[in-house]
């Protein structure tokens, strides 16, 4: 007989932390092969750029901003409800145009980590 499985429900609105000096990243899940972070950015703040050898998902919970890829050669608009899928090896970064909350999910192998 298998053990009972429990789930955790996280209210991202109540745990959001914003700061005037830099973007904030809170780890929501750090499990084998998956890391999930809540990114909170004020207008003009950003995360990255960085390059990691694993795919990344960015789900915009709230706000608007830009996803910058490969040394700004490719820029995509991000908006509430948008899901950005970034492939392995792509340099990536986010810059907020208005207050943003983003769920960043990384499927990694080993110790690679970058929001």
C-alpha atoms as a PDB file:
ATOM      1  CA  UNK A   1       0.000   0.000   0.000  1.00  0.00           C
ATOM      2  CA  UNK A   2       1.403   3.398  -0.940  1.00  0.00           C
ATOM      3  CA  UNK A   3       1.802   6.314   1.428  1.00  0.00           C
ATOM      4  CA  UNK A   4      -0.711   9.184   1.267  1.00  0.00           C
ATOM      5  CA  UNK A   5       0.290  12.011  -1.030  1.00  0.00           C
ATOM      6  CA  UNK A   6      -0.130  15.596   0.092  1.00  0.00           C
ATOM      7  CA  UNK A   7      -0.122  18.753  -1.971  1.00  0.00           C
ATOM      8  CA  UNK A   8       0.871  22.257  -1.024  1.00  0.00           C
ATOM      9  CA  UNK A   9      -1.159  25.240  -2.214  1.00  0.00           C
ATOM     10  CA  UNK A  10       0.787  28.511  -2.201  1.00  0.00           C
ATOM     11  CA  UNK A  11      -0.959  31.882  -2.359  1.00  0.00           C
ATOM     12  CA  UNK A  12       1.638  33.795  -4.374  1.00  0.00           C
ATOM     13  CA  UNK A  13      -0.155  37.073  -3.794  1.00  0.00           C
ATOM     14  CA  UNK A  14       0.266  36.980  -0.016  1.00  0.00           C
ATOM     15  CA  UNK A  15       3.919  35.834  -0.088  1.00  0.00           C
ATOM     16  CA  UNK A  16       5.080  38.315  -2.740  1.00  0.00           C
ATOM     17  CA  UNK A  17       7.992  40.466  -1.583  1.00  0.00           C
ATOM     18  CA  UNK A  18       8.975  43.567  -3.540  1.00  0.00           C
ATOM     19  CA  UNK A  19      11.999  45.784  -2.869  1.00  0.00           C
ATOM     20  CA  UNK A  20      12.900  49.161  -4.315  1.00  0.00           C
ATOM     21  CA  UNK A  21      16.583  48.324  -4.839  1.00  0.00           C
ATOM     22  CA  UNK A  22      16.427  44.975  -6.703  1.00  0.00           C
ATOM     23  CA  UNK A  23      14.262  42.117  -7.928  1.00  0.00           C
ATOM     24  CA  UNK A  24      13.338  39.500  -5.343  1.00  0.00           C
ATOM     25  CA  UNK A  25      13.351  35.724  -5.885  1.00  0.00           C
ATOM     26  CA  UNK A  26      11.747  33.299  -3.446  1.00  0.00           C
ATOM     27  CA  UNK A  27      12.264  29.560  -3.815  1.00  0.00           C
ATOM     28  CA  UNK A  28       8.874  27.819  -3.784  1.00  0.00           C
ATOM     29  CA  UNK A  29      10.118  24.344  -4.673  1.00  0.00           C
ATOM     30  CA  UNK A  30      13.561  22.831  -4.845  1.00  0.00           C
ATOM     31  CA  UNK A  31      13.053  19.180  -5.620  1.00  0.00           C
ATOM     32  CA  UNK A  32      14.940  16.585  -7.607  1.00  0.00           C
ATOM     33  CA  UNK A  33      15.167  17.995 -11.117  1.00  0.00           C
ATOM     34  CA  UNK A  34      12.861  21.007 -10.622  1.00  0.00           C
ATOM     35  CA  UNK A  35      13.279  24.433  -9.049  1.00  0.00           C
ATOM     36  CA  UNK A  36      10.401  26.918  -8.903  1.00  0.00           C
ATOM     37  CA  UNK A  37      10.864  30.537  -7.875  1.00  0.00           C
ATOM     38  CA  UNK A  38       8.531  33.467  -7.472  1.00  0.00           C
ATOM     39  CA  UNK A  39      10.156  36.528  -9.032  1.00  0.00           C
ATOM     40  CA  UNK A  40       8.913  39.937  -7.864  1.00  0.00           C
ATOM     41  CA  UNK A  41      10.093  42.919  -9.898  1.00  0.00           C
ATOM     42  CA  UNK A  42       9.353  46.629  -9.756  1.00  0.00           C
ATOM     43  CA  UNK A  43       9.411  48.668 -13.007  1.00  0.00           C
ATOM     44  CA  UNK A  44      12.940  48.826 -14.443  1.00  0.00           C
ATOM     45  CA  UNK A  45      14.240  45.922 -12.342  1.00  0.00           C
ATOM     46  CA  UNK A  46      15.530  42.771 -13.996  1.00  0.00           C
ATOM     47  CA  UNK A  47      16.953  39.310 -13.526  1.00  0.00           C
ATOM     48  CA  UNK A  48      19.767  37.883 -15.637  1.00  0.00           C
ATOM     49  CA  UNK A  49      21.065  37.690 -18.187  1.00  0.00           C
ATOM     50  CA  UNK A  50      22.352  34.210 -17.610  1.00  0.00           C
ATOM     51  CA  UNK A  51      22.773  30.996 -19.556  1.00  0.00           C
ATOM     52  CA  UNK A  52      21.952  27.599 -18.075  1.00  0.00           C
ATOM     53  CA  UNK A  53      22.040  24.207 -19.724  1.00  0.00           C
ATOM     54  CA  UNK A  54      18.414  23.387 -18.980  1.00  0.00           C
ATOM     55  CA  UNK A  55      15.002  24.552 -20.186  1.00  0.00           C
ATOM     56  CA  UNK A  56      13.065  27.268 -18.337  1.00  0.00           C
ATOM     57  CA  UNK A  57       9.399  28.223 -18.071  1.00  0.00           C
ATOM     58  CA  UNK A  58       8.302  31.731 -17.114  1.00  0.00           C
ATOM     59  CA  UNK A  59       4.611  32.209 -16.280  1.00  0.00           C
ATOM     60  CA  UNK A  60       3.609  35.847 -15.778  1.00  0.00           C
ATOM     61  CA  UNK A  61       1.153  35.993 -12.906  1.00  0.00           C
ATOM     62  CA  UNK A  62       0.850  39.762 -12.997  1.00  0.00           C
ATOM     63  CA  UNK A  63       2.371  42.710 -14.845  1.00  0.00           C
ATOM     64  CA  UNK A  64       4.275  43.411 -18.050  1.00  0.00           C
ATOM     65  CA  UNK A  65       7.887  43.241 -19.111  1.00  0.00           C
ATOM     66  CA  UNK A  66      10.394  42.000 -21.654  1.00  0.00           C
ATOM     67  CA  UNK A  67      12.082  38.643 -22.065  1.00  0.00           C
ATOM     68  CA  UNK A  68      15.519  39.244 -23.548  1.00  0.00           C
ATOM     69  CA  UNK A  69      17.249  36.352 -25.272  1.00  0.00           C
ATOM     70  CA  UNK A  70      20.722  35.808 -26.689  1.00  0.00           C
ATOM     71  CA  UNK A  71      22.349  39.173 -25.985  1.00  0.00           C
ATOM     72  CA  UNK A  72      19.121  41.059 -26.849  1.00  0.00           C
ATOM     73  CA  UNK A  73      19.030  39.635 -30.380  1.00  0.00           C
ATOM     74  CA  UNK A  74      15.528  38.350 -29.596  1.00  0.00           C
ATOM     75  CA  UNK A  75      13.145  40.284 -27.330  1.00  0.00           C
ATOM     76  CA  UNK A  76       9.625  39.111 -26.461  1.00  0.00           C
ATOM     77  CA  UNK A  77       6.786  40.914 -24.692  1.00  0.00           C
ATOM     78  CA  UNK A  78       5.620  39.378 -21.420  1.00  0.00           C
ATOM     79  CA  UNK A  79       2.166  40.114 -19.974  1.00  0.00           C
ATOM     80  CA  UNK A  80      -0.259  38.732 -17.390  1.00  0.00           C
ATOM     81  CA  UNK A  81      -1.146  35.159 -18.306  1.00  0.00           C
ATOM     82  CA  UNK A  82       1.770  34.691 -20.738  1.00  0.00           C
ATOM     83  CA  UNK A  83       3.915  31.552 -20.629  1.00  0.00           C
ATOM     84  CA  UNK A  84       7.438  31.808 -22.068  1.00  0.00           C
ATOM     85  CA  UNK A  85       9.285  28.577 -22.843  1.00  0.00           C
ATOM     86  CA  UNK A  86      13.046  29.131 -23.086  1.00  0.00           C
ATOM     87  CA  UNK A  87      15.150  26.291 -24.504  1.00  0.00           C
ATOM     88  CA  UNK A  88      18.325  24.828 -23.077  1.00  0.00           C
ATOM     89  CA  UNK A  89      21.412  26.974 -23.596  1.00  0.00           C
ATOM     90  CA  UNK A  90      19.643  30.249 -24.432  1.00  0.00           C
ATOM     91  CA  UNK A  91      20.908  33.340 -22.664  1.00  0.00           C
ATOM     92  CA  UNK A  92      17.911  34.918 -20.955  1.00  0.00           C
ATOM     93  CA  UNK A  93      16.867  37.813 -18.785  1.00  0.00           C
ATOM     94  CA  UNK A  94      13.689  39.636 -17.775  1.00  0.00           C
ATOM     95  CA  UNK A  95      13.135  43.379 -17.342  1.00  0.00           C
ATOM     96  CA  UNK A  96       9.897  44.670 -15.797  1.00  0.00           C
ATOM     97  CA  UNK A  97       8.004  47.488 -17.503  1.00  0.00           C
ATOM     98  CA  UNK A  98       5.476  47.534 -14.671  1.00  0.00           C
ATOM     99  CA  UNK A  99       5.293  45.676 -11.367  1.00  0.00           C
ATOM    100  CA  UNK A 100       5.592  41.960 -12.156  1.00  0.00           C
ATOM    101  CA  UNK A 101       5.150  38.623 -10.429  1.00  0.00           C
ATOM    102  CA  UNK A 102       6.570  35.708 -12.422  1.00  0.00           C
ATOM    103  CA  UNK A 103       6.691  31.996 -11.689  1.00  0.00           C
ATOM    104  CA  UNK A 104      10.054  30.732 -12.960  1.00  0.00           C
ATOM    105  CA  UNK A 105      10.315  26.944 -13.299  1.00  0.00           C
ATOM    106  CA  UNK A 106      13.623  25.304 -14.151  1.00  0.00           C
ATOM    107  CA  UNK A 107      14.007  21.659 -15.112  1.00  0.00           C
ATOM    108  CA  UNK A 108      17.652  21.004 -14.314  1.00  0.00           C
ATOM    109  CA  UNK A 109      20.192  18.252 -14.045  1.00  0.00           C
ATOM    110  CA  UNK A 110      22.744  18.636 -11.284  1.00  0.00           C
ATOM    111  CA  UNK A 111      23.468  22.025  -9.725  1.00  0.00           C
ATOM    112  CA  UNK A 112      22.654  24.398 -12.605  1.00  0.00           C
ATOM    113  CA  UNK A 113      20.531  27.257 -11.332  1.00  0.00           C
ATOM    114  CA  UNK A 114      19.591  30.712 -12.544  1.00  0.00           C
ATOM    115  CA  UNK A 115      16.333  32.647 -12.384  1.00  0.00           C
END
